[in-house]
Amino acid sequence: MAWNRILVEMLYLLGTFGLIAFMVGVLVLVGRFYPGSDAELIDWKPTRSPEVEVQNEIDDVRQMMEAQNEMRRRRGAPEMTEQELQEKVAEDERLRLRGRGPFEAM
């Protein structure tokens, strides 16, 4: 009686793992031999165009500069221009490339 129960449990486990392995194998084969691109296979389309992404980046930088300049005005410091920001970013990038960036471990 106990052997039958163990046998049924083992068959159940083998069947479950076998079914999962079969499903994964089918998905791998479909992905491997599908004649179109991966994006076509899952009907994927980008949510935004590259132009919209660029505009979002420009807007983000503008908003961050406005917020930074607001903080500077509050403490009486001069506002930062876009040119000054670009120069600071270029300097930070040069330091980072030399291995002495602000985020390097001491």
PDB file of N, CA and C in Angstrom:
ATOM      1  N   MET A   1       0.816  -1.177   0.000  1.00  0.00           N
ATOM      2  CA  MET A   1       0.000   0.000   0.000  1.00  0.00           C
ATOM      3  C   MET A   1       0.870   1.256   0.000  1.00  0.00           C
ATOM      4  N   ALA A   2       1.897   1.291   0.839  1.00  0.00           N
ATOM      5  CA  ALA A   2       2.774   2.454   0.924  1.00  0.00           C
ATOM      6  C   ALA A   2       3.562   2.626  -0.371  1.00  0.00           C
ATOM      7  N   TRP A   3       3.924   1.492  -0.995  1.00  0.00           N
ATOM      8  CA  TRP A   3       4.685   1.585  -2.247  1.00  0.00           C
ATOM      9  C   TRP A   3       3.845   2.187  -3.356  1.00  0.00           C
ATOM     10  N   ASN A   4       2.571   1.867  -3.377  1.00  0.00           N
ATOM     11  CA  ASN A   4       1.689   2.425  -4.405  1.00  0.00           C
ATOM     12  C   ASN A   4       1.594   3.946  -4.264  1.00  0.00           C
ATOM     13  N   ARG A   5       1.482   4.401  -3.026  1.00  0.00           N
ATOM     14  CA  ARG A   5       1.381   5.851  -2.785  1.00  0.00           C
ATOM     15  C   ARG A   5       2.667   6.560  -3.221  1.00  0.00           C
ATOM     16  N   ILE A   6       3.807   5.968  -2.883  1.00  0.00           N
ATOM     17  CA  ILE A   6       5.092   6.554  -3.276  1.00  0.00           C
ATOM     18  C   ILE A   6       5.223   6.561  -4.794  1.00  0.00           C
ATOM     19  N   LEU A   7       4.802   5.478  -5.430  1.00  0.00           N
ATOM     20  CA  LEU A   7       4.865   5.387  -6.884  1.00  0.00           C
ATOM     21  C   LEU A   7       3.982   6.447  -7.534  1.00  0.00           C
ATOM     22  N   VAL A   8       2.781   6.638  -7.017  1.00  0.00           N
ATOM     23  CA  VAL A   8       1.870   7.650  -7.566  1.00  0.00           C
ATOM     24  C   VAL A   8       2.469   9.048  -7.391  1.00  0.00           C
ATOM     25  N   GLU A   9       3.044   9.321  -6.218  1.00  0.00           N
ATOM     26  CA  GLU A   9       3.659  10.627  -5.980  1.00  0.00           C
ATOM     27  C   GLU A   9       4.838  10.863  -6.913  1.00  0.00           C
ATOM     28  N   MET A  10       5.652   9.841  -7.121  1.00  0.00           N
ATOM     29  CA  MET A  10       6.791   9.972  -8.035  1.00  0.00           C
ATOM     30  C   MET A  10       6.331  10.211  -9.464  1.00  0.00           C
ATOM     31  N   LEU A  11       5.304   9.491  -9.896  1.00  0.00           N
ATOM     32  CA  LEU A  11       4.774   9.692 -11.247  1.00  0.00           C
ATOM     33  C   LEU A  11       4.193  11.095 -11.399  1.00  0.00           C
ATOM     34  N   TYR A  12       3.542  11.576 -10.361  1.00  0.00           N
ATOM     35  CA  TYR A  12       2.986  12.924 -10.393  1.00  0.00           C
ATOM     36  C   TYR A  12       4.104  13.961 -10.547  1.00  0.00           C
ATOM     37  N   LEU A  13       5.172  13.820  -9.752  1.00  0.00           N
ATOM     38  CA  LEU A  13       6.298  14.747  -9.845  1.00  0.00           C
ATOM     39  C   LEU A  13       6.970  14.670 -11.212  1.00  0.00           C
ATOM     40  N   LEU A  14       7.206  13.458 -11.696  1.00  0.00           N
ATOM     41  CA  LEU A  14       7.828  13.298 -13.011  1.00  0.00           C
ATOM     42  C   LEU A  14       6.950  13.891 -14.105  1.00  0.00           C
ATOM     43  N   GLY A  15       5.662  13.663 -14.011  1.00  0.00           N
ATOM     44  CA  GLY A  15       4.736  14.221 -15.001  1.00  0.00           C
ATOM     45  C   GLY A  15       4.725  15.743 -14.972  1.00  0.00           C
ATOM     46  N   THR A  16       4.732  16.310 -13.770  1.00  0.00           N
ATOM     47  CA  THR A  16       4.733  17.767 -13.645  1.00  0.00           C
ATOM     48  C   THR A  16       6.007  18.361 -14.235  1.00  0.00           C
ATOM     49  N   PHE A  17       7.157  17.838 -13.821  1.00  0.00           N
ATOM     50  CA  PHE A  17       8.414  18.349 -14.356  1.00  0.00           C
ATOM     51  C   PHE A  17       8.553  18.073 -15.851  1.00  0.00           C
ATOM     52  N   GLY A  18       8.057  16.945 -16.291  1.00  0.00           N
ATOM     53  CA  GLY A  18       8.097  16.631 -17.719  1.00  0.00           C
ATOM     54  C   GLY A  18       7.254  17.607 -18.533  1.00  0.00           C
ATOM     55  N   LEU A  19       6.081  17.953 -18.029  1.00  0.00           N
ATOM     56  CA  LEU A  19       5.210  18.893 -18.726  1.00  0.00           C
ATOM     57  C   LEU A  19       5.844  20.285 -18.777  1.00  0.00           C
ATOM     58  N   ILE A  20       6.444  20.702 -17.680  1.00  0.00           N
ATOM     59  CA  ILE A  20       7.113  22.005 -17.661  1.00  0.00           C
ATOM     60  C   ILE A  20       8.282  22.006 -18.647  1.00  0.00           C
ATOM     61  N   ALA A  21       9.077  20.950 -18.648  1.00  0.00           N
ATOM     62  CA  ALA A  21      10.209  20.847 -19.577  1.00  0.00           C
ATOM     63  C   ALA A  21       9.724  20.852 -21.026  1.00  0.00           C
ATOM     64  N   PHE A  22       8.628  20.171 -21.298  1.00  0.00           N
ATOM     65  CA  PHE A  22       8.063  20.141 -22.649  1.00  0.00           C
ATOM     66  C   PHE A  22       7.637  21.547 -23.076  1.00  0.00           C
ATOM     67  N   MET A  23       6.957  22.258 -22.196  1.00  0.00           N
ATOM     68  CA  MET A  23       6.488  23.610 -22.532  1.00  0.00           C
ATOM     69  C   MET A  23       7.665  24.555 -22.777  1.00  0.00           C
ATOM     70  N   VAL A  24       8.699  24.462 -21.946  1.00  0.00           N
ATOM     71  CA  VAL A  24       9.882  25.295 -22.148  1.00  0.00           C
ATOM     72  C   VAL A  24      10.547  24.929 -23.468  1.00  0.00           C
ATOM     73  N   GLY A  25      10.647  23.656 -23.763  1.00  0.00           N
ATOM     74  CA  GLY A  25      11.247  23.215 -25.023  1.00  0.00           C
ATOM     75  C   GLY A  25      10.484  23.726 -26.231  1.00  0.00           C
ATOM     76  N   VAL A  26       9.164  23.677 -26.178  1.00  0.00           N
ATOM     77  CA  VAL A  26       8.347  24.194 -27.290  1.00  0.00           C
ATOM     78  C   VAL A  26       8.596  25.682 -27.463  1.00  0.00           C
ATOM     79  N   LEU A  27       8.624  26.436 -26.371  1.00  0.00           N
ATOM     80  CA  LEU A  27       8.861  27.875 -26.470  1.00  0.00           C
ATOM     81  C   LEU A  27      10.243  28.179 -27.042  1.00  0.00           C
ATOM     82  N   VAL A  28      11.245  27.417 -26.627  1.00  0.00           N
ATOM     83  CA  VAL A  28      12.600  27.624 -27.152  1.00  0.00           C
ATOM     84  C   VAL A  28      12.634  27.317 -28.645  1.00  0.00           C
ATOM     85  N   LEU A  29      12.001  26.239 -29.059  1.00  0.00           N
ATOM     86  CA  LEU A  29      11.982  25.885 -30.482  1.00  0.00           C
ATOM     87  C   LEU A  29      11.236  26.925 -31.306  1.00  0.00           C
ATOM     88  N   VAL A  30      10.111  27.398 -30.818  1.00  0.00           N
ATOM     89  CA  VAL A  30       9.368  28.428 -31.550  1.00  0.00           C
ATOM     90  C   VAL A  30      10.221  29.683 -31.676  1.00  0.00           C
ATOM     91  N   GLY A  31      10.867  30.088 -30.589  1.00  0.00           N
ATOM     92  CA  GLY A  31      11.716  31.272 -30.632  1.00  0.00           C
ATOM     93  C   GLY A  31      12.905  31.098 -31.545  1.00  0.00           C
ATOM     94  N   ARG A  32      13.449  29.905 -31.589  1.00  0.00           N
ATOM     95  CA  ARG A  32      14.641  29.651 -32.400  1.00  0.00           C
ATOM     96  C   ARG A  32      14.329  29.611 -33.890  1.00  0.00           C
ATOM     97  N   PHE A  33      13.234  28.994 -34.247  1.00  0.00           N
ATOM     98  CA  PHE A  33      12.949  28.771 -35.663  1.00  0.00           C
ATOM     99  C   PHE A  33      11.889  29.696 -36.245  1.00  0.00           C
ATOM    100  N   TYR A  34      11.431  30.694 -35.492  1.00  0.00           N
ATOM    101  CA  TYR A  34      10.467  31.652 -36.031  1.00  0.00           C
ATOM    102  C   TYR A  34      11.159  32.482 -37.104  1.00  0.00           C
ATOM    103  N   PRO A  35      10.575  32.615 -38.287  1.00  0.00           N
ATOM    104  CA  PRO A  35      11.272  33.284 -39.386  1.00  0.00           C
ATOM    105  C   PRO A  35      11.387  34.804 -39.224  1.00  0.00           C
ATOM    106  N   GLY A  36      10.525  35.422 -38.451  1.00  0.00           N
ATOM    107  CA  GLY A  36      10.579  36.880 -38.273  1.00  0.00           C
ATOM    108  C   GLY A  36      11.488  37.260 -37.126  1.00  0.00           C
ATOM    109  N   SER A  37      11.406  38.538 -36.772  1.00  0.00           N
ATOM    110  CA  SER A  37      12.223  39.030 -35.662  1.00  0.00           C
ATOM    111  C   SER A  37      11.556  38.702 -34.329  1.00  0.00           C
ATOM    112  N   ASP A  38      12.323  38.864 -33.262  1.00  0.00           N
ATOM    113  CA  ASP A  38      11.778  38.629 -31.930  1.00  0.00           C
ATOM    114  C   ASP A  38      10.638  39.597 -31.632  1.00  0.00           C
ATOM    115  N   ALA A  39      10.781  40.849 -32.075  1.00  0.00           N
ATOM    116  CA  ALA A  39       9.746  41.850 -31.831  1.00  0.00           C
ATOM    117  C   ALA A  39       8.451  41.464 -32.540  1.00  0.00           C
ATOM    118  N   GLU A  40       8.554  40.909 -33.737  1.00  0.00           N
ATOM    119  CA  GLU A  40       7.357  40.466 -34.453  1.00  0.00           C
ATOM    120  C   GLU A  40       6.714  39.273 -33.758  1.00  0.00           C
ATOM    121  N   LEU A  41       7.545  38.392 -33.205  1.00  0.00           N
ATOM    122  CA  LEU A  41       7.032  37.196 -32.545  1.00  0.00           C
ATOM    123  C   LEU A  41       6.113  37.552 -31.382  1.00  0.00           C
ATOM    124  N   ILE A  42       6.492  38.554 -30.607  1.00  0.00           N
ATOM    125  CA  ILE A  42       5.661  38.937 -29.469  1.00  0.00           C
ATOM    126  C   ILE A  42       4.831  40.187 -29.760  1.00  0.00           C
ATOM    127  N   ASP A  43       4.823  40.644 -31.027  1.00  0.00           N
ATOM    128  CA  ASP A  43       4.054  41.800 -31.471  1.00  0.00           C
ATOM    129  C   ASP A  43       4.404  43.026 -30.635  1.00  0.00           C
ATOM    130  N   TRP A  44       5.726  43.259 -30.457  1.00  0.00           N
ATOM    131  CA  TRP A  44       6.198  44.374 -29.642  1.00  0.00           C
ATOM    132  C   TRP A  44       6.404  45.599 -30.502  1.00  0.00           C
ATOM    133  N   LYS A  45       5.926  46.724 -29.990  1.00  0.00           N
ATOM    134  CA  LYS A  45       6.154  48.006 -30.639  1.00  0.00           C
ATOM    135  C   LYS A  45       6.658  48.974 -29.574  1.00  0.00           C
ATOM    136  N   PRO A  46       7.653  49.790 -29.905  1.00  0.00           N
ATOM    137  CA  PRO A  46       8.146  50.737 -28.914  1.00  0.00           C
ATOM    138  C   PRO A  46       7.040  51.686 -28.470  1.00  0.00           C
ATOM    139  N   THR A  47       7.065  52.049 -27.192  1.00  0.00           N
ATOM    140  CA  THR A  47       6.012  52.922 -26.681  1.00  0.00           C
ATOM    141  C   THR A  47       6.217  54.368 -27.099  1.00  0.00           C
ATOM    142  N   ARG A  48       7.475  54.780 -27.291  1.00  0.00           N
ATOM    143  CA  ARG A  48       7.758  56.155 -27.694  1.00  0.00           C
ATOM    144  C   ARG A  48       8.797  56.155 -28.793  1.00  0.00           C
ATOM    145  N   SER A  49       8.712  57.164 -29.630  1.00  0.00           N
ATOM    146  CA  SER A  49       9.690  57.300 -30.703  1.00  0.00           C
ATOM    147  C   SER A  49      10.982  57.898 -30.147  1.00  0.00           C
ATOM    148  N   PRO A  50      12.082  57.735 -30.859  1.00  0.00           N
ATOM    149  CA  PRO A  50      13.340  58.338 -30.407  1.00  0.00           C
ATOM    150  C   PRO A  50      13.240  59.861 -30.276  1.00  0.00           C
ATOM    151  N   GLU A  51      12.453  60.497 -31.143  1.00  0.00           N
ATOM    152  CA  GLU A  51      12.287  61.947 -31.062  1.00  0.00           C
ATOM    153  C   GLU A  51      11.627  62.348 -29.752  1.00  0.00           C
ATOM    154  N   VAL A  52      10.626  61.585 -29.317  1.00  0.00           N
ATOM    155  CA  VAL A  52       9.953  61.873 -28.054  1.00  0.00           C
ATOM    156  C   VAL A  52      10.911  61.657 -26.890  1.00  0.00           C
ATOM    157  N   GLU A  53      11.747  60.627 -26.960  1.00  0.00           N
ATOM    158  CA  GLU A  53      12.726  60.369 -25.911  1.00  0.00           C
ATOM    159  C   GLU A  53      13.710  61.533 -25.786  1.00  0.00           C
ATOM    160  N   VAL A  54      14.180  62.057 -26.921  1.00  0.00           N
ATOM    161  CA  VAL A  54      15.108  63.186 -26.903  1.00  0.00           C
ATOM    162  C   VAL A  54      14.431  64.404 -26.285  1.00  0.00           C
ATOM    163  N   GLN A  55      13.183  64.662 -26.675  1.00  0.00           N
ATOM    164  CA  GLN A  55      12.464  65.804 -26.124  1.00  0.00           C
ATOM    165  C   GLN A  55      12.262  65.643 -24.617  1.00  0.00           C
ATOM    166  N   ASN A  56      11.979  64.422 -24.173  1.00  0.00           N
ATOM    167  CA  ASN A  56      11.839  64.177 -22.734  1.00  0.00           C
ATOM    168  C   ASN A  56      13.137  64.462 -21.990  1.00  0.00           C
ATOM    169  N   GLU A  57      14.272  64.069 -22.573  1.00  0.00           N
ATOM    170  CA  GLU A  57      15.569  64.339 -21.951  1.00  0.00           C
ATOM    171  C   GLU A  57      15.824  65.840 -21.853  1.00  0.00           C
ATOM    172  N   ILE A  58      15.517  66.564 -22.920  1.00  0.00           N
ATOM    173  CA  ILE A  58      15.704  68.015 -22.923  1.00  0.00           C
ATOM    174  C   ILE A  58      14.837  68.652 -21.842  1.00  0.00           C
ATOM    175  N   ASP A  59      13.586  68.224 -21.754  1.00  0.00           N
ATOM    176  CA  ASP A  59      12.680  68.757 -20.731  1.00  0.00           C
ATOM    177  C   ASP A  59      13.180  68.435 -19.327  1.00  0.00           C
ATOM    178  N   ASP A  60      13.705  67.229 -19.129  1.00  0.00           N
ATOM    179  CA  ASP A  60      14.220  66.845 -17.815  1.00  0.00           C
ATOM    180  C   ASP A  60      15.392  67.734 -17.399  1.00  0.00           C
ATOM    181  N   VAL A  61      16.310  67.980 -18.319  1.00  0.00           N
ATOM    182  CA  VAL A  61      17.466  68.824 -18.011  1.00  0.00           C
ATOM    183  C   VAL A  61      17.000  70.242 -17.694  1.00  0.00           C
ATOM    184  N   ARG A  62      16.054  70.753 -18.471  1.00  0.00           N
ATOM    185  CA  ARG A  62      15.539  72.100 -18.221  1.00  0.00           C
ATOM    186  C   ARG A  62      14.907  72.192 -16.834  1.00  0.00           C
ATOM    187  N   GLN A  63      14.091  71.197 -16.483  1.00  0.00           N
ATOM    188  CA  GLN A  63      13.438  71.199 -15.171  1.00  0.00           C
ATOM    189  C   GLN A  63      14.462  71.100 -14.039  1.00  0.00           C
ATOM    190  N   MET A  64      15.487  70.271 -14.232  1.00  0.00           N
ATOM    191  CA  MET A  64      16.511  70.144 -13.191  1.00  0.00           C
ATOM    192  C   MET A  64      17.289  71.446 -13.031  1.00  0.00           C
ATOM    193  N   MET A  65      17.583  72.131 -14.146  1.00  0.00           N
ATOM    194  CA  MET A  65      18.282  73.408 -14.061  1.00  0.00           C
ATOM    195  C   MET A  65      17.423  74.445 -13.355  1.00  0.00           C
ATOM    196  N   GLU A  66      16.136  74.468 -13.665  1.00  0.00           N
ATOM    197  CA  GLU A  66      15.238  75.418 -13.004  1.00  0.00           C
ATOM    198  C   GLU A  66      15.204  75.167 -11.497  1.00  0.00           C
ATOM    199  N   ALA A  67      15.118  73.900 -11.101  1.00  0.00           N
ATOM    200  CA  ALA A  67      15.090  73.565  -9.679  1.00  0.00           C
ATOM    201  C   ALA A  67      16.413  73.932  -9.011  1.00  0.00           C
ATOM    202  N   GLN A  68      17.529  73.650  -9.684  1.00  0.00           N
ATOM    203  CA  GLN A  68      18.845  73.982  -9.131  1.00  0.00           C
ATOM    204  C   GLN A  68      19.003  75.492  -8.982  1.00  0.00           C
ATOM    205  N   ASN A  69      18.561  76.242  -9.983  1.00  0.00           N
ATOM    206  CA  ASN A  69      18.673  77.695  -9.912  1.00  0.00           C
ATOM    207  C   ASN A  69      17.758  78.269  -8.843  1.00  0.00           C
ATOM    208  N   GLU A  70      16.613  77.671  -8.610  1.00  0.00           N
ATOM    209  CA  GLU A  70      15.730  78.105  -7.527  1.00  0.00           C
ATOM    210  C   GLU A  70      16.443  77.951  -6.183  1.00  0.00           C
ATOM    211  N   MET A  71      17.109  76.825  -5.979  1.00  0.00           N
ATOM    212  CA  MET A  71      17.858  76.598  -4.736  1.00  0.00           C
ATOM    213  C   MET A  71      19.007  77.602  -4.615  1.00  0.00           C
ATOM    214  N   ARG A  72      19.673  77.899  -5.737  1.00  0.00           N
ATOM    215  CA  ARG A  72      20.774  78.865  -5.714  1.00  0.00           C
ATOM    216  C   ARG A  72      20.258  80.265  -5.357  1.00  0.00           C
ATOM    217  N   ARG A  73      19.110  80.645  -5.918  1.00  0.00           N
ATOM    218  CA  ARG A  73      18.531  81.955  -5.600  1.00  0.00           C
ATOM    219  C   ARG A  73      18.207  82.050  -4.116  1.00  0.00           C
ATOM    220  N   ARG A  74      17.675  80.978  -3.546  1.00  0.00           N
ATOM    221  CA  ARG A  74      17.311  80.992  -2.128  1.00  0.00           C
ATOM    222  C   ARG A  74      18.520  81.238  -1.226  1.00  0.00           C
ATOM    223  N   ARG A  75      19.666  80.707  -1.601  1.00  0.00           N
ATOM    224  CA  ARG A  75      20.836  80.899  -0.750  1.00  0.00           C
ATOM    225  C   ARG A  75      21.726  82.052  -1.215  1.00  0.00           C
ATOM    226  N   GLY A  76      21.264  82.785  -2.255  1.00  0.00           N
ATOM    227  CA  GLY A  76      21.978  83.982  -2.694  1.00  0.00           C
ATOM    228  C   GLY A  76      23.103  83.730  -3.668  1.00  0.00           C
ATOM    229  N   ALA A  77      23.221  82.531  -4.194  1.00  0.00           N
ATOM    230  CA  ALA A  77      24.274  82.221  -5.167  1.00  0.00           C
ATOM    231  C   ALA A  77      23.796  82.593  -6.567  1.00  0.00           C
ATOM    232  N   PRO A  78      24.730  82.865  -7.473  1.00  0.00           N
ATOM    233  CA  PRO A  78      24.318  83.196  -8.848  1.00  0.00           C
ATOM    234  C   PRO A  78      23.730  81.973  -9.548  1.00  0.00           C
ATOM    235  N   GLU A  79      22.835  82.241 -10.491  1.00  0.00           N
ATOM    236  CA  GLU A  79      22.215  81.146 -11.235  1.00  0.00           C
ATOM    237  C   GLU A  79      23.224  80.506 -12.177  1.00  0.00           C
ATOM    238  N   MET A  80      23.016  79.236 -12.461  1.00  0.00           N
ATOM    239  CA  MET A  80      23.880  78.499 -13.370  1.00  0.00           C
ATOM    240  C   MET A  80      23.265  78.558 -14.770  1.00  0.00           C
ATOM    241  N   THR A  81      24.089  78.895 -15.746  1.00  0.00           N
ATOM    242  CA  THR A  81      23.607  78.907 -17.125  1.00  0.00           C
ATOM    243  C   THR A  81      23.799  77.517 -17.732  1.00  0.00           C
ATOM    244  N   GLU A  82      23.201  77.331 -18.882  1.00  0.00           N
ATOM    245  CA  GLU A  82      23.346  76.037 -19.556  1.00  0.00           C
ATOM    246  C   GLU A  82      24.795  75.805 -19.968  1.00  0.00           C
ATOM    247  N   GLN A  83      25.478  76.876 -20.364  1.00  0.00           N
ATOM    248  CA  GLN A  83      26.887  76.759 -20.743  1.00  0.00           C
ATOM    249  C   GLN A  83      27.733  76.312 -19.548  1.00  0.00           C
ATOM    250  N   GLU A  84      27.486  76.902 -18.381  1.00  0.00           N
ATOM    251  CA  GLU A  84      28.224  76.503 -17.181  1.00  0.00           C
ATOM    252  C   GLU A  84      27.944  75.040 -16.829  1.00  0.00           C
ATOM    253  N   LEU A  85      26.705  74.642 -16.996  1.00  0.00           N
ATOM    254  CA  LEU A  85      26.349  73.247 -16.728  1.00  0.00           C
ATOM    255  C   LEU A  85      27.095  72.310 -17.670  1.00  0.00           C
ATOM    256  N   GLN A  86      27.135  72.653 -18.952  1.00  0.00           N
ATOM    257  CA  GLN A  86      27.845  71.813 -19.920  1.00  0.00           C
ATOM    258  C   GLN A  86      29.334  71.735 -19.595  1.00  0.00           C
ATOM    259  N   GLU A  87      29.915  72.854 -19.165  1.00  0.00           N
ATOM    260  CA  GLU A  87      31.328  72.846 -18.799  1.00  0.00           C
ATOM    261  C   GLU A  87      31.564  71.958 -17.580  1.00  0.00           C
ATOM    262  N   LYS A  88      30.677  72.034 -16.593  1.00  0.00           N
ATOM    263  CA  LYS A  88      30.809  71.208 -15.389  1.00  0.00           C
ATOM    264  C   LYS A  88      30.671  69.726 -15.732  1.00  0.00           C
ATOM    265  N   VAL A  89      29.728  69.400 -16.602  1.00  0.00           N
ATOM    266  CA  VAL A  89      29.539  68.009 -17.014  1.00  0.00           C
ATOM    267  C   VAL A  89      30.773  67.511 -17.762  1.00  0.00           C
ATOM    268  N   ALA A  90      31.328  68.348 -18.644  1.00  0.00           N
ATOM    269  CA  ALA A  90      32.523  67.952 -19.390  1.00  0.00           C
ATOM    270  C   ALA A  90      33.700  67.713 -18.438  1.00  0.00           C
ATOM    271  N   GLU A  91      33.850  68.579 -17.430  1.00  0.00           N
ATOM    272  CA  GLU A  91      34.929  68.409 -16.462  1.00  0.00           C
ATOM    273  C   GLU A  91      34.742  67.125 -15.643  1.00  0.00           C
ATOM    274  N   ASP A  92      33.514  66.882 -15.206  1.00  0.00           N
ATOM    275  CA  ASP A  92      33.234  65.648 -14.463  1.00  0.00           C
ATOM    276  C   ASP A  92      33.519  64.423 -15.317  1.00  0.00           C
ATOM    277  N   GLU A  93      33.193  64.498 -16.583  1.00  0.00           N
ATOM    278  CA  GLU A  93      33.442  63.363 -17.482  1.00  0.00           C
ATOM    279  C   GLU A  93      34.948  63.148 -17.662  1.00  0.00           C
ATOM    280  N   ARG A  94      35.713  64.230 -17.799  1.00  0.00           N
ATOM    281  CA  ARG A  94      37.179  64.092 -17.922  1.00  0.00           C
ATOM    282  C   ARG A  94      37.763  63.451 -16.663  1.00  0.00           C
ATOM    283  N   LEU A  95      37.305  63.898 -15.491  1.00  0.00           N
ATOM    284  CA  LEU A  95      37.793  63.316 -14.235  1.00  0.00           C
ATOM    285  C   LEU A  95      37.418  61.839 -14.131  1.00  0.00           C
ATOM    286  N   ARG A  96      36.212  61.527 -14.536  1.00  0.00           N
ATOM    287  CA  ARG A  96      35.770  60.134 -14.460  1.00  0.00           C
ATOM    288  C   ARG A  96      36.601  59.248 -15.380  1.00  0.00           C
ATOM    289  N   LEU A  97      36.876  59.730 -16.576  1.00  0.00           N
ATOM    290  CA  LEU A  97      37.667  58.936 -17.520  1.00  0.00           C
ATOM    291  C   LEU A  97      39.102  58.750 -17.043  1.00  0.00           C
ATOM    292  N   ARG A  98      39.625  59.708 -16.282  1.00  0.00           N
ATOM    293  CA  ARG A  98      40.967  59.552 -15.724  1.00  0.00           C
ATOM    294  C   ARG A  98      40.959  58.674 -14.481  1.00  0.00           C
ATOM    295  N   GLY A  99      39.796  58.305 -13.998  1.00  0.00           N
ATOM    296  CA  GLY A  99      39.714  57.444 -12.832  1.00  0.00           C
ATOM    297  C   GLY A  99      39.654  58.206 -11.536  1.00  0.00           C
ATOM    298  N   ARG A 100      39.379  59.490 -11.591  1.00  0.00           N
ATOM    299  CA  ARG A 100      39.297  60.299 -10.372  1.00  0.00           C
ATOM    300  C   ARG A 100      37.933  60.961 -10.259  1.00  0.00           C
ATOM    301  N   GLY A 101      36.926  60.296 -10.729  1.00  0.00           N
ATOM    302  CA  GLY A 101      35.591  60.873 -10.712  1.00  0.00           C
ATOM    303  C   GLY A 101      35.024  60.988  -9.324  1.00  0.00           C
ATOM    304  N   PRO A 102      33.956  61.749  -9.183  1.00  0.00           N
ATOM    305  CA  PRO A 102      33.359  61.949  -7.864  1.00  0.00           C
ATOM    306  C   PRO A 102      32.772  60.676  -7.282  1.00  0.00           C
ATOM    307  N   PHE A 103      32.581  59.667  -8.100  1.00  0.00           N
ATOM    308  CA  PHE A 103      31.958  58.434  -7.621  1.00  0.00           C
ATOM    309  C   PHE A 103      32.941  57.298  -7.449  1.00  0.00           C
ATOM    310  N   GLU A 104      34.217  57.592  -7.578  1.00  0.00           N
ATOM    311  CA  GLU A 104      35.248  56.576  -7.417  1.00  0.00           C
ATOM    312  C   GLU A 104      35.489  56.311  -5.943  1.00  0.00           C
ATOM    313  N   ALA A 105      35.802  55.079  -5.599  1.00  0.00           N
ATOM    314  CA  ALA A 105      36.119  54.731  -4.205  1.00  0.00           C
ATOM    315  C   ALA A 105      37.485  55.288  -3.852  1.00  0.00           C
ATOM    316  N   MET A 106      37.622  55.739  -2.636  1.00  0.00           N
ATOM    317  CA  MET A 106      38.900  56.297  -2.187  1.00  0.00           C
ATOM    318  C   MET A 106      39.825  55.203  -1.737  1.00  0.00           C
TER     319      MET A 106
END
